Amino acid sequence: MLYKKSLNLSRMEIFELSRLIHDSCNRIHQATTDMYESLHEDGVPLYGKVEVEYLIKDFREWINHEIDTIRSATSEYREGFDE
């Protein structure tokens, strides 16, 4: 649990949920920028299958991690109402 473990509080506040979502979205934005830049080596788009697939794999892993963080945070927030 993201919030309870890190701050040892009983219930996540809405501002903390918002911060966690914001941080994940910022990292998704950064991943998108990095992917775009990586696909344009010296301003020329890459098109080689191996290079492109490698970049896509890394991008998906990064994005999926951030999506899981958002899922966990929102789930934890909902659970706070069940206590």
Protein backbone atom coordinates (compact mmCIF):
# COMPACT_ATOMS: atom_id res chain seq x y z
CA MET A 1 0.00 0.00 0.00
CA LEU A 2 1.61 3.18 -1.18
CA TYR A 3 0.40 5.61 1.42
CA LYS A 4 0.10 3.57 4.58
CA LYS A 5 3.56 2.07 4.27
CA SER A 6 5.33 5.31 3.46
CA LEU A 7 3.63 7.60 5.95
CA ASN A 8 2.12 5.10 8.38
CA LEU A 9 -1.25 6.87 8.48
CA SER A 10 -4.64 5.23 8.56
CA ARG A 11 -6.22 6.93 5.54
CA MET A 12 -4.90 8.69 2.48
CA GLU A 13 -5.98 12.29 2.10
CA ILE A 14 -7.42 13.42 -1.23
CA PHE A 15 -4.49 15.80 -1.81
CA GLU A 16 -2.07 12.89 -1.47
CA LEU A 17 -4.04 10.87 -4.02
CA SER A 18 -3.93 13.85 -6.35
CA ARG A 19 -0.16 14.19 -5.87
CA LEU A 20 0.42 10.51 -6.64
CA ILE A 21 -1.69 10.72 -9.80
CA HIS A 22 0.02 13.94 -10.86
CA ASP A 23 3.49 12.46 -10.35
CA SER A 24 2.62 9.35 -12.38
CA CYS A 25 1.15 11.45 -15.19
CA ASN A 26 4.28 13.62 -15.22
CA ARG A 27 6.41 10.50 -15.57
CA ILE A 28 4.15 9.25 -18.39
CA HIS A 29 4.64 12.60 -20.11
CA GLN A 30 8.41 12.31 -19.67
CA ALA A 31 8.35 8.76 -21.05
CA THR A 32 6.47 10.00 -24.11
CA THR A 33 8.98 12.78 -24.69
CA ASP A 34 11.89 10.38 -24.25
CA MET A 35 10.32 7.91 -26.69
CA TYR A 36 9.81 10.60 -29.31
CA GLU A 37 13.37 11.82 -28.95
CA SER A 38 14.75 8.29 -29.05
CA LEU A 39 12.83 7.61 -32.24
CA HIS A 40 14.43 10.65 -33.87
CA GLU A 41 18.15 10.06 -33.67
CA ASP A 42 19.87 13.17 -35.03
CA GLY A 43 16.49 14.44 -36.20
CA VAL A 44 15.90 11.48 -38.50
CA PRO A 45 13.17 9.00 -37.54
CA LEU A 46 14.31 5.47 -36.78
CA TYR A 47 12.51 2.74 -38.68
CA GLY A 48 14.52 -0.40 -38.04
CA LYS A 49 12.34 -3.13 -36.59
CA VAL A 50 14.72 -4.15 -33.80
CA GLU A 51 15.41 -0.58 -32.64
CA VAL A 52 11.77 0.47 -32.76
CA GLU A 53 10.54 -2.67 -30.99
CA TYR A 54 13.14 -2.21 -28.25
CA LEU A 55 12.02 1.39 -27.67
CA ILE A 56 8.36 0.38 -27.66
CA LYS A 57 9.05 -2.38 -25.12
CA ASP A 58 10.81 0.03 -22.76
CA PHE A 59 8.07 2.63 -23.21
CA ARG A 60 5.30 0.13 -22.43
CA GLU A 61 7.07 -1.10 -19.31
CA TRP A 62 7.47 2.47 -18.04
CA ILE A 63 3.86 3.40 -18.85
CA ASN A 64 2.46 0.19 -17.37
CA HIS A 65 4.37 0.83 -14.15
CA GLU A 66 2.86 4.31 -13.86
CA ILE A 67 -0.64 3.03 -14.65
CA ASP A 68 -0.24 0.40 -11.93
CA THR A 69 0.82 3.14 -9.51
CA ILE A 70 -2.37 5.08 -10.30
CA ARG A 71 -4.50 1.94 -9.90
CA SER A 72 -2.90 1.14 -6.55
CA ALA A 73 -3.25 4.67 -5.24
CA THR A 74 -6.92 4.98 -6.20
CA SER A 75 -7.67 1.53 -4.82
CA GLU A 76 -5.97 2.41 -1.55
CA TYR A 77 -7.94 5.64 -1.34
CA ARG A 78 -11.22 3.74 -1.83
CA GLU A 79 -10.22 1.23 0.84
CA GLY A 80 -9.83 4.10 3.30
CA PHE A 81 -13.61 4.50 3.28
CA ASP A 82 -14.08 0.87 4.35
CA GLU A 83 -12.15 1.29 7.61
